[in-house]
Amino acid sequence: MQQDSTGQVIPFPLERIRTRDGGSDRLTAALDSLEAALAEQRAAMTGFRESLGQLGAAVHALEGGAVGLSTRLGALHRQVGTVNQSARDLEAWADRVLARAR
């Protein structure tokens, strides 16, 4: 006789899974857990949106500061250019005076 080497099929024990009330307690617990998780998710999303709003306000304020700084730096650049030109004019005048004195 040949032996079957494929193994033996063992039936799944359905009795252990079934509860007396048909599983409604587990379903209710699972739904309650899901509802709690969704409530946490809603709270997290609300906090996330608030944080995004605060970040947007901070970026807007930073942009305003950067524009103001750029404007002030541009004005300073023009003033330094004017002073530089005055210094070069004074240097040229001094060179001419020294050249005549020699």
PDB file of N, CA and C in Angstrom:
ATOM      1  N   MET A   1       0.798  -1.184   0.000  1.00  0.00           N
ATOM      2  CA  MET A   1       0.000   0.000   0.000  1.00  0.00           C
ATOM      3  C   MET A   1       0.846   1.256   0.000  1.00  0.00           C
ATOM      4  N   GLN A   2       0.348   2.267  -0.725  1.00  0.00           N
ATOM      5  CA  GLN A   2       1.052   3.552  -0.757  1.00  0.00           C
ATOM      6  C   GLN A   2       0.483   4.469   0.316  1.00  0.00           C
ATOM      7  N   GLN A   3       1.379   5.217   0.924  1.00  0.00           N
ATOM      8  CA  GLN A   3       0.931   6.200   1.908  1.00  0.00           C
ATOM      9  C   GLN A   3       0.746   7.541   1.230  1.00  0.00           C
ATOM     10  N   ASP A   4      -0.235   8.289   1.682  1.00  0.00           N
ATOM     11  CA  ASP A   4      -0.482   9.641   1.166  1.00  0.00           C
ATOM     12  C   ASP A   4       0.476  10.596   1.872  1.00  0.00           C
ATOM     13  N   SER A   5       1.363  11.235   1.105  1.00  0.00           N
ATOM     14  CA  SER A   5       2.351  12.130   1.713  1.00  0.00           C
ATOM     15  C   SER A   5       1.947  13.600   1.612  1.00  0.00           C
ATOM     16  N   THR A   6       0.718  13.883   1.192  1.00  0.00           N
ATOM     17  CA  THR A   6       0.295  15.271   1.028  1.00  0.00           C
ATOM     18  C   THR A   6      -0.165  15.889   2.334  1.00  0.00           C
ATOM     19  N   GLY A   7      -0.418  15.155   3.316  1.00  0.00           N
ATOM     20  CA  GLY A   7      -0.828  15.686   4.609  1.00  0.00           C
ATOM     21  C   GLY A   7      -2.303  15.508   4.850  1.00  0.00           C
ATOM     22  N   GLN A   8      -2.719  15.916   6.011  1.00  0.00           N
ATOM     23  CA  GLN A   8      -4.102  15.753   6.406  1.00  0.00           C
ATOM     24  C   GLN A   8      -4.726  17.134   6.583  1.00  0.00           C
ATOM     25  N   VAL A   9      -5.930  17.327   6.083  1.00  0.00           N
ATOM     26  CA  VAL A   9      -6.650  18.591   6.212  1.00  0.00           C
ATOM     27  C   VAL A   9      -7.337  18.600   7.568  1.00  0.00           C
ATOM     28  N   ILE A  10      -7.049  19.653   8.331  1.00  0.00           N
ATOM     29  CA  ILE A  10      -7.658  19.784   9.647  1.00  0.00           C
ATOM     30  C   ILE A  10      -8.722  20.875   9.550  1.00  0.00           C
ATOM     31  N   PRO A  11      -9.941  20.614   9.917  1.00  0.00           N
ATOM     32  CA  PRO A  11     -10.997  21.629   9.811  1.00  0.00           C
ATOM     33  C   PRO A  11     -10.741  22.793  10.779  1.00  0.00           C
ATOM     34  N   PHE A  12     -11.103  23.993  10.335  1.00  0.00           N
ATOM     35  CA  PHE A  12     -10.939  25.195  11.140  1.00  0.00           C
ATOM     36  C   PHE A  12     -11.955  25.165  12.272  1.00  0.00           C
ATOM     37  N   PRO A  13     -11.510  25.445  13.487  1.00  0.00           N
ATOM     38  CA  PRO A  13     -12.429  25.334  14.634  1.00  0.00           C
ATOM     39  C   PRO A  13     -13.365  26.541  14.723  1.00  0.00           C
ATOM     40  N   LEU A  14     -14.455  26.512  14.022  1.00  0.00           N
ATOM     41  CA  LEU A  14     -15.394  27.621  13.989  1.00  0.00           C
ATOM     42  C   LEU A  14     -16.078  27.852  15.329  1.00  0.00           C
ATOM     43  N   GLU A  15     -16.176  26.873  16.145  1.00  0.00           N
ATOM     44  CA  GLU A  15     -16.861  27.024  17.417  1.00  0.00           C
ATOM     45  C   GLU A  15     -16.163  28.053  18.315  1.00  0.00           C
ATOM     46  N   ARG A  16     -14.845  28.111  18.235  1.00  0.00           N
ATOM     47  CA  ARG A  16     -14.111  29.055  19.090  1.00  0.00           C
ATOM     48  C   ARG A  16     -14.315  30.501  18.654  1.00  0.00           C
ATOM     49  N   ILE A  17     -14.570  30.728  17.385  1.00  0.00           N
ATOM     50  CA  ILE A  17     -14.720  32.088  16.889  1.00  0.00           C
ATOM     51  C   ILE A  17     -16.110  32.624  17.190  1.00  0.00           C
ATOM     52  N   ARG A  18     -17.088  31.779  17.056  1.00  0.00           N
ATOM     53  CA  ARG A  18     -18.456  32.214  17.294  1.00  0.00           C
ATOM     54  C   ARG A  18     -18.657  32.502  18.779  1.00  0.00           C
ATOM     55  N   THR A  19     -19.389  33.575  19.028  1.00  0.00           N
ATOM     56  CA  THR A  19     -19.764  33.877  20.415  1.00  0.00           C
ATOM     57  C   THR A  19     -21.257  33.650  20.555  1.00  0.00           C
ATOM     58  N   ARG A  20     -21.712  33.714  21.754  1.00  0.00           N
ATOM     59  CA  ARG A  20     -23.127  33.431  21.991  1.00  0.00           C
ATOM     60  C   ARG A  20     -24.033  34.459  21.321  1.00  0.00           C
ATOM     61  N   ASP A  21     -23.558  35.724  21.230  1.00  0.00           N
ATOM     62  CA  ASP A  21     -24.415  36.750  20.642  1.00  0.00           C
ATOM     63  C   ASP A  21     -24.111  36.955  19.161  1.00  0.00           C
ATOM     64  N   GLY A  22     -23.389  36.085  18.539  1.00  0.00           N
ATOM     65  CA  GLY A  22     -23.102  36.188  17.114  1.00  0.00           C
ATOM     66  C   GLY A  22     -21.977  37.154  16.800  1.00  0.00           C
ATOM     67  N   GLY A  23     -21.203  37.592  17.763  1.00  0.00           N
ATOM     68  CA  GLY A  23     -20.065  38.463  17.515  1.00  0.00           C
ATOM     69  C   GLY A  23     -20.388  39.945  17.592  1.00  0.00           C
ATOM     70  N   SER A  24     -21.591  40.279  18.007  1.00  0.00           N
ATOM     71  CA  SER A  24     -21.951  41.702  18.030  1.00  0.00           C
ATOM     72  C   SER A  24     -21.135  42.476  19.065  1.00  0.00           C
ATOM     73  N   ASP A  25     -20.726  41.834  20.152  1.00  0.00           N
ATOM     74  CA  ASP A  25     -19.883  42.523  21.145  1.00  0.00           C
ATOM     75  C   ASP A  25     -18.542  42.901  20.530  1.00  0.00           C
ATOM     76  N   ARG A  26     -17.952  41.986  19.794  1.00  0.00           N
ATOM     77  CA  ARG A  26     -16.668  42.286  19.151  1.00  0.00           C
ATOM     78  C   ARG A  26     -16.830  43.352  18.084  1.00  0.00           C
ATOM     79  N   LEU A  27     -17.926  43.280  17.341  1.00  0.00           N
ATOM     80  CA  LEU A  27     -18.182  44.284  16.314  1.00  0.00           C
ATOM     81  C   LEU A  27     -18.386  45.653  16.949  1.00  0.00           C
ATOM     82  N   THR A  28     -19.134  45.705  18.025  1.00  0.00           N
ATOM     83  CA  THR A  28     -19.354  46.967  18.731  1.00  0.00           C
ATOM     84  C   THR A  28     -18.040  47.513  19.266  1.00  0.00           C
ATOM     85  N   ALA A  29     -17.219  46.642  19.822  1.00  0.00           N
ATOM     86  CA  ALA A  29     -15.916  47.082  20.337  1.00  0.00           C
ATOM     87  C   ALA A  29     -15.032  47.579  19.200  1.00  0.00           C
ATOM     88  N   ALA A  30     -15.062  46.892  18.083  1.00  0.00           N
ATOM     89  CA  ALA A  30     -14.247  47.316  16.939  1.00  0.00           C
ATOM     90  C   ALA A  30     -14.735  48.660  16.401  1.00  0.00           C
ATOM     91  N   LEU A  31     -16.045  48.843  16.319  1.00  0.00           N
ATOM     92  CA  LEU A  31     -16.593  50.120  15.849  1.00  0.00           C
ATOM     93  C   LEU A  31     -16.290  51.250  16.823  1.00  0.00           C
ATOM     94  N   ASP A  32     -16.364  50.966  18.116  1.00  0.00           N
ATOM     95  CA  ASP A  32     -16.009  51.979  19.119  1.00  0.00           C
ATOM     96  C   ASP A  32     -14.540  52.372  18.999  1.00  0.00           C
ATOM     97  N   SER A  33     -13.700  51.373  18.784  1.00  0.00           N
ATOM     98  CA  SER A  33     -12.270  51.638  18.608  1.00  0.00           C
ATOM     99  C   SER A  33     -12.025  52.467  17.351  1.00  0.00           C
ATOM    100  N   LEU A  34     -12.737  52.132  16.283  1.00  0.00           N
ATOM    101  CA  LEU A  34     -12.605  52.887  15.036  1.00  0.00           C
ATOM    102  C   LEU A  34     -13.085  54.321  15.221  1.00  0.00           C
ATOM    103  N   GLU A  35     -14.188  54.501  15.912  1.00  0.00           N
ATOM    104  CA  GLU A  35     -14.711  55.848  16.159  1.00  0.00           C
ATOM    105  C   GLU A  35     -13.726  56.667  16.999  1.00  0.00           C
ATOM    106  N   ALA A  36     -13.107  56.041  17.988  1.00  0.00           N
ATOM    107  CA  ALA A  36     -12.107  56.739  18.805  1.00  0.00           C
ATOM    108  C   ALA A  36     -10.897  57.127  17.961  1.00  0.00           C
ATOM    109  N   ALA A  37     -10.478  56.234  17.083  1.00  0.00           N
ATOM    110  CA  ALA A  37      -9.333  56.536  16.210  1.00  0.00           C
ATOM    111  C   ALA A  37      -9.677  57.678  15.264  1.00  0.00           C
ATOM    112  N   LEU A  38     -10.901  57.691  14.742  1.00  0.00           N
ATOM    113  CA  LEU A  38     -11.313  58.777  13.856  1.00  0.00           C
ATOM    114  C   LEU A  38     -11.391  60.104  14.604  1.00  0.00           C
ATOM    115  N   ALA A  39     -11.842  60.069  15.846  1.00  0.00           N
ATOM    116  CA  ALA A  39     -11.885  61.295  16.654  1.00  0.00           C
ATOM    117  C   ALA A  39     -10.473  61.828  16.887  1.00  0.00           C
ATOM    118  N   GLU A  40      -9.537  60.935  17.163  1.00  0.00           N
ATOM    119  CA  GLU A  40      -8.134  61.351  17.326  1.00  0.00           C
ATOM    120  C   GLU A  40      -7.599  61.937  16.024  1.00  0.00           C
ATOM    121  N   GLN A  41      -7.963  61.313  14.912  1.00  0.00           N
ATOM    122  CA  GLN A  41      -7.520  61.798  13.599  1.00  0.00           C
ATOM    123  C   GLN A  41      -8.085  63.187  13.321  1.00  0.00           C
ATOM    124  N   ARG A  42      -9.366  63.408  13.654  1.00  0.00           N
ATOM    125  CA  ARG A  42      -9.965  64.732  13.452  1.00  0.00           C
ATOM    126  C   ARG A  42      -9.242  65.778  14.294  1.00  0.00           C
ATOM    127  N   ALA A  43      -8.953  65.437  15.545  1.00  0.00           N
ATOM    128  CA  ALA A  43      -8.237  66.373  16.426  1.00  0.00           C
ATOM    129  C   ALA A  43      -6.839  66.653  15.890  1.00  0.00           C
ATOM    130  N   ALA A  44      -6.180  65.625  15.403  1.00  0.00           N
ATOM    131  CA  ALA A  44      -4.831  65.809  14.842  1.00  0.00           C
ATOM    132  C   ALA A  44      -4.879  66.693  13.599  1.00  0.00           C
ATOM    133  N   MET A  45      -5.867  66.494  12.746  1.00  0.00           N
ATOM    134  CA  MET A  45      -5.987  67.317  11.534  1.00  0.00           C
ATOM    135  C   MET A  45      -6.305  68.769  11.891  1.00  0.00           C
ATOM    136  N   THR A  46      -7.121  68.975  12.917  1.00  0.00           N
ATOM    137  CA  THR A  46      -7.415  70.337  13.363  1.00  0.00           C
ATOM    138  C   THR A  46      -6.133  71.009  13.840  1.00  0.00           C
ATOM    139  N   GLY A  47      -5.357  70.303  14.634  1.00  0.00           N
ATOM    140  CA  GLY A  47      -4.075  70.839  15.089  1.00  0.00           C
ATOM    141  C   GLY A  47      -3.125  71.097  13.927  1.00  0.00           C
ATOM    142  N   PHE A  48      -3.124  70.205  12.964  1.00  0.00           N
ATOM    143  CA  PHE A  48      -2.259  70.360  11.792  1.00  0.00           C
ATOM    144  C   PHE A  48      -2.649  71.603  11.002  1.00  0.00           C
ATOM    145  N   ARG A  49      -3.957  71.802  10.810  1.00  0.00           N
ATOM    146  CA  ARG A  49      -4.417  72.993  10.080  1.00  0.00           C
ATOM    147  C   ARG A  49      -4.059  74.269  10.833  1.00  0.00           C
ATOM    148  N   GLU A  50      -4.197  74.244  12.153  1.00  0.00           N
ATOM    149  CA  GLU A  50      -3.821  75.419  12.951  1.00  0.00           C
ATOM    150  C   GLU A  50      -2.324  75.699  12.817  1.00  0.00           C
ATOM    151  N   SER A  51      -1.536  74.651  12.844  1.00  0.00           N
ATOM    152  CA  SER A  51      -0.086  74.809  12.692  1.00  0.00           C
ATOM    153  C   SER A  51       0.263  75.365  11.316  1.00  0.00           C
ATOM    154  N   LEU A  52      -0.434  74.890  10.286  1.00  0.00           N
ATOM    155  CA  LEU A  52      -0.198  75.418   8.943  1.00  0.00           C
ATOM    156  C   LEU A  52      -0.550  76.901   8.869  1.00  0.00           C
ATOM    157  N   GLY A  53      -1.629  77.297   9.539  1.00  0.00           N
ATOM    158  CA  GLY A  53      -2.001  78.706   9.572  1.00  0.00           C
ATOM    159  C   GLY A  53      -0.936  79.552  10.257  1.00  0.00           C
ATOM    160  N   GLN A  54      -0.426  79.054  11.380  1.00  0.00           N
ATOM    161  CA  GLN A  54       0.630  79.772  12.091  1.00  0.00           C
ATOM    162  C   GLN A  54       1.898  79.845  11.249  1.00  0.00           C
ATOM    163  N   LEU A  55       2.223  78.754  10.560  1.00  0.00           N
ATOM    164  CA  LEU A  55       3.397  78.746   9.699  1.00  0.00           C
ATOM    165  C   LEU A  55       3.227  79.745   8.564  1.00  0.00           C
ATOM    166  N   GLY A  56       2.036  79.795   7.979  1.00  0.00           N
ATOM    167  CA  GLY A  56       1.770  80.761   6.912  1.00  0.00           C
ATOM    168  C   GLY A  56       1.951  82.188   7.396  1.00  0.00           C
ATOM    169  N   ALA A  57       1.452  82.484   8.598  1.00  0.00           N
ATOM    170  CA  ALA A  57       1.608  83.829   9.152  1.00  0.00           C
ATOM    171  C   ALA A  57       3.077  84.148   9.411  1.00  0.00           C
ATOM    172  N   ALA A  58       3.819  83.175   9.911  1.00  0.00           N
ATOM    173  CA  ALA A  58       5.246  83.393  10.178  1.00  0.00           C
ATOM    174  C   ALA A  58       6.017  83.619   8.882  1.00  0.00           C
ATOM    175  N   VAL A  59       5.688  82.847   7.854  1.00  0.00           N
ATOM    176  CA  VAL A  59       6.364  83.017   6.554  1.00  0.00           C
ATOM    177  C   VAL A  59       6.035  84.380   5.959  1.00  0.00           C
ATOM    178  N   HIS A  60       4.771  84.802   6.099  1.00  0.00           N
ATOM    179  CA  HIS A  60       4.376  86.117   5.593  1.00  0.00           C
ATOM    180  C   HIS A  60       5.144  87.219   6.317  1.00  0.00           C
ATOM    181  N   ALA A  61       5.262  87.105   7.644  1.00  0.00           N
ATOM    182  CA  ALA A  61       6.024  88.096   8.413  1.00  0.00           C
ATOM    183  C   ALA A  61       7.496  88.072   8.015  1.00  0.00           C
ATOM    184  N   LEU A  62       8.044  86.900   7.801  1.00  0.00           N
ATOM    185  CA  LEU A  62       9.436  86.775   7.379  1.00  0.00           C
ATOM    186  C   LEU A  62       9.639  87.409   6.009  1.00  0.00           C
ATOM    187  N   GLU A  63       8.682  87.199   5.119  1.00  0.00           N
ATOM    188  CA  GLU A  63       8.776  87.801   3.787  1.00  0.00           C
ATOM    189  C   GLU A  63       8.764  89.326   3.890  1.00  0.00           C
ATOM    190  N   GLY A  64       7.882  89.853   4.731  1.00  0.00           N
ATOM    191  CA  GLY A  64       7.842  91.308   4.921  1.00  0.00           C
ATOM    192  C   GLY A  64       9.151  91.840   5.470  1.00  0.00           C
ATOM    193  N   GLY A  65       9.739  91.122   6.428  1.00  0.00           N
ATOM    194  CA  GLY A  65      11.029  91.528   6.975  1.00  0.00           C
ATOM    195  C   GLY A  65      12.133  91.472   5.937  1.00  0.00           C
ATOM    196  N   ALA A  66      12.112  90.443   5.105  1.00  0.00           N
ATOM    197  CA  ALA A  66      13.144  90.307   4.072  1.00  0.00           C
ATOM    198  C   ALA A  66      13.026  91.424   3.027  1.00  0.00           C
ATOM    199  N   VAL A  67      11.792  91.771   2.669  1.00  0.00           N
ATOM    200  CA  VAL A  67      11.597  92.857   1.702  1.00  0.00           C
ATOM    201  C   VAL A  67      12.074  94.176   2.304  1.00  0.00           C
ATOM    202  N   GLY A  68      11.735  94.409   3.580  1.00  0.00           N
ATOM    203  CA  GLY A  68      12.194  95.627   4.252  1.00  0.00           C
ATOM    204  C   GLY A  68      13.709  95.695   4.332  1.00  0.00           C
ATOM    205  N   LEU A  69      14.328  94.570   4.664  1.00  0.00           N
ATOM    206  CA  LEU A  69      15.792  94.513   4.742  1.00  0.00           C
ATOM    207  C   LEU A  69      16.408  94.777   3.374  1.00  0.00           C
ATOM    208  N   SER A  70      15.834  94.195   2.339  1.00  0.00           N
ATOM    209  CA  SER A  70      16.346  94.411   0.988  1.00  0.00           C
ATOM    210  C   SER A  70      16.256  95.886   0.603  1.00  0.00           C
ATOM    211  N   THR A  71      15.152  96.521   0.954  1.00  0.00           N
ATOM    212  CA  THR A  71      14.983  97.941   0.650  1.00  0.00           C
ATOM    213  C   THR A  71      16.034  98.776   1.371  1.00  0.00           C
ATOM    214  N   ARG A  72      16.249  98.483   2.655  1.00  0.00           N
ATOM    215  CA  ARG A  72      17.253  99.230   3.434  1.00  0.00           C
ATOM    216  C   ARG A  72      18.666  98.987   2.897  1.00  0.00           C
ATOM    217  N   LEU A  73      18.950  97.741   2.511  1.00  0.00           N
ATOM    218  CA  LEU A  73      20.274  97.445   1.957  1.00  0.00           C
ATOM    219  C   LEU A  73      20.484  98.162   0.624  1.00  0.00           C
ATOM    220  N   GLY A  74      19.433  98.256  -0.183  1.00  0.00           N
ATOM    221  CA  GLY A  74      19.534  98.986  -1.445  1.00  0.00           C
ATOM    222  C   GLY A  74      19.839 100.459  -1.208  1.00  0.00           C
ATOM    223  N   ALA A  75      19.159 101.053  -0.219  1.00  0.00           N
ATOM    224  CA  ALA A  75      19.409 102.461   0.112  1.00  0.00           C
ATOM    225  C   ALA A  75      20.840 102.638   0.627  1.00  0.00           C
ATOM    226  N   LEU A  76      21.287 101.708   1.469  1.00  0.00           N
ATOM    227  CA  LEU A  76      22.658 101.785   1.993  1.00  0.00           C
ATOM    228  C   LEU A  76      23.663 101.651   0.851  1.00  0.00           C
ATOM    229  N   HIS A  77      23.402 100.772  -0.098  1.00  0.00           N
ATOM    230  CA  HIS A  77      24.292 100.591  -1.246  1.00  0.00           C
ATOM    231  C   HIS A  77      24.410 101.904  -2.039  1.00  0.00           C
ATOM    232  N   ARG A  78      23.289 102.571  -2.237  1.00  0.00           N
ATOM    233  CA  ARG A  78      23.341 103.854  -2.962  1.00  0.00           C
ATOM    234  C   ARG A  78      24.129 104.903  -2.163  1.00  0.00           C
ATOM    235  N   GLN A  79      23.947 104.934  -0.849  1.00  0.00           N
ATOM    236  CA  GLN A  79      24.678 105.900  -0.017  1.00  0.00           C
ATOM    237  C   GLN A  79      26.174 105.612  -0.044  1.00  0.00           C
ATOM    238  N   VAL A  80      26.556 104.346   0.058  1.00  0.00           N
ATOM    239  CA  VAL A  80      27.972 103.970   0.017  1.00  0.00           C
ATOM    240  C   VAL A  80      28.558 104.339  -1.347  1.00  0.00           C
ATOM    241  N   GLY A  81      27.780 104.138  -2.416  1.00  0.00           N
ATOM    242  CA  GLY A  81      28.251 104.522  -3.752  1.00  0.00           C
ATOM    243  C   GLY A  81      28.497 106.023  -3.839  1.00  0.00           C
ATOM    244  N   THR A  82      27.607 106.800  -3.248  1.00  0.00           N
ATOM    245  CA  THR A  82      27.773 108.255  -3.253  1.00  0.00           C
ATOM    246  C   THR A  82      29.009 108.665  -2.460  1.00  0.00           C
ATOM    247  N   VAL A  83      29.197 108.087  -1.282  1.00  0.00           N
ATOM    248  CA  VAL A  83      30.373 108.396  -0.463  1.00  0.00           C
ATOM    249  C   VAL A  83      31.641 107.949  -1.183  1.00  0.00           C
ATOM    250  N   ASN A  84      31.597 106.786  -1.828  1.00  0.00           N
ATOM    251  CA  ASN A  84      32.751 106.282  -2.562  1.00  0.00           C
ATOM    252  C   ASN A  84      33.125 107.253  -3.695  1.00  0.00           C
ATOM    253  N   GLN A  85      32.123 107.706  -4.420  1.00  0.00           N
ATOM    254  CA  GLN A  85      32.398 108.652  -5.507  1.00  0.00           C
ATOM    255  C   GLN A  85      32.972 109.957  -4.961  1.00  0.00           C
ATOM    256  N   SER A  86      32.467 110.421  -3.822  1.00  0.00           N
ATOM    257  CA  SER A  86      33.007 111.638  -3.205  1.00  0.00           C
ATOM    258  C   SER A  86      34.468 111.431  -2.799  1.00  0.00           C
ATOM    259  N   ALA A  87      34.776 110.247  -2.250  1.00  0.00           N
ATOM    260  CA  ALA A  87      36.149 109.955  -1.853  1.00  0.00           C
ATOM    261  C   ALA A  87      37.066 109.908  -3.075  1.00  0.00           C
ATOM    262  N   ARG A  88      36.621 109.337  -4.171  1.00  0.00           N
ATOM    263  CA  ARG A  88      37.431 109.294  -5.401  1.00  0.00           C
ATOM    264  C   ARG A  88      37.638 110.707  -5.973  1.00  0.00           C
ATOM    265  N   ASP A  89      36.578 111.532  -5.917  1.00  0.00           N
ATOM    266  CA  ASP A  89      36.711 112.912  -6.383  1.00  0.00           C
ATOM    267  C   ASP A  89      37.717 113.675  -5.526  1.00  0.00           C
ATOM    268  N   LEU A  90      37.644 113.476  -4.211  1.00  0.00           N
ATOM    269  CA  LEU A  90      38.574 114.138  -3.295  1.00  0.00           C
ATOM    270  C   LEU A  90      39.999 113.642  -3.542  1.00  0.00           C
ATOM    271  N   GLU A  91      40.163 112.354  -3.788  1.00  0.00           N
ATOM    272  CA  GLU A  91      41.483 111.795  -4.072  1.00  0.00           C
ATOM    273  C   GLU A  91      42.043 112.387  -5.373  1.00  0.00           C
ATOM    274  N   ALA A  92      41.197 112.482  -6.384  1.00  0.00           N
ATOM    275  CA  ALA A  92      41.641 113.069  -7.658  1.00  0.00           C
ATOM    276  C   ALA A  92      42.042 114.532  -7.466  1.00  0.00           C
ATOM    277  N   TRP A  93      41.267 115.283  -6.684  1.00  0.00           N
ATOM    278  CA  TRP A  93      41.589 116.686  -6.411  1.00  0.00           C
ATOM    279  C   TRP A  93      42.939 116.779  -5.692  1.00  0.00           C
ATOM    280  N   ALA A  94      43.140 115.889  -4.677  1.00  0.00           N
ATOM    281  CA  ALA A  94      44.395 115.901  -3.928  1.00  0.00           C
ATOM    282  C   ALA A  94      45.565 115.563  -4.845  1.00  0.00           C
ATOM    283  N   ASP A  95      45.389 114.596  -5.752  1.00  0.00           N
ATOM    284  CA  ASP A  95      46.455 114.256  -6.706  1.00  0.00           C
ATOM    285  C   ASP A  95      46.797 115.451  -7.604  1.00  0.00           C
ATOM    286  N   ARG A  96      45.802 116.206  -8.027  1.00  0.00           N
ATOM    287  CA  ARG A  96      46.054 117.381  -8.869  1.00  0.00           C
ATOM    288  C   ARG A  96      46.789 118.470  -8.094  1.00  0.00           C
ATOM    289  N   VAL A  97      46.377 118.672  -6.845  1.00  0.00           N
ATOM    290  CA  VAL A  97      47.036 119.687  -6.017  1.00  0.00           C
ATOM    291  C   VAL A  97      48.498 119.292  -5.803  1.00  0.00           C
ATOM    292  N   LEU A  98      48.767 118.027  -5.500  1.00  0.00           N
ATOM    293  CA  LEU A  98      50.148 117.571  -5.289  1.00  0.00           C
ATOM    294  C   LEU A  98      50.951 117.676  -6.572  1.00  0.00           C
ATOM    295  N   ALA A  99      50.343 117.390  -7.702  1.00  0.00           N
ATOM    296  CA  ALA A  99      51.046 117.464  -8.981  1.00  0.00           C
ATOM    297  C   ALA A  99      51.435 118.901  -9.283  1.00  0.00           C
ATOM    298  N   ARG A 100      50.586 119.865  -8.978  1.00  0.00           N
ATOM    299  CA  ARG A 100      50.916 121.278  -9.213  1.00  0.00           C
ATOM    300  C   ARG A 100      52.000 121.773  -8.243  1.00  0.00           C
ATOM    301  N   ALA A 101      52.030 121.214  -7.060  1.00  0.00           N
ATOM    302  CA  ALA A 101      52.993 121.650  -6.049  1.00  0.00           C
ATOM    303  C   ALA A 101      54.393 121.156  -6.379  1.00  0.00           C
ATOM    304  N   ARG A 102      54.538 120.160  -7.168  1.00  0.00           N
ATOM    305  CA  ARG A 102      55.861 119.618  -7.458  1.00  0.00           C
ATOM    306  C   ARG A 102      56.516 120.441  -8.465  1.00  0.00           C
TER     307      ARG A 102
END
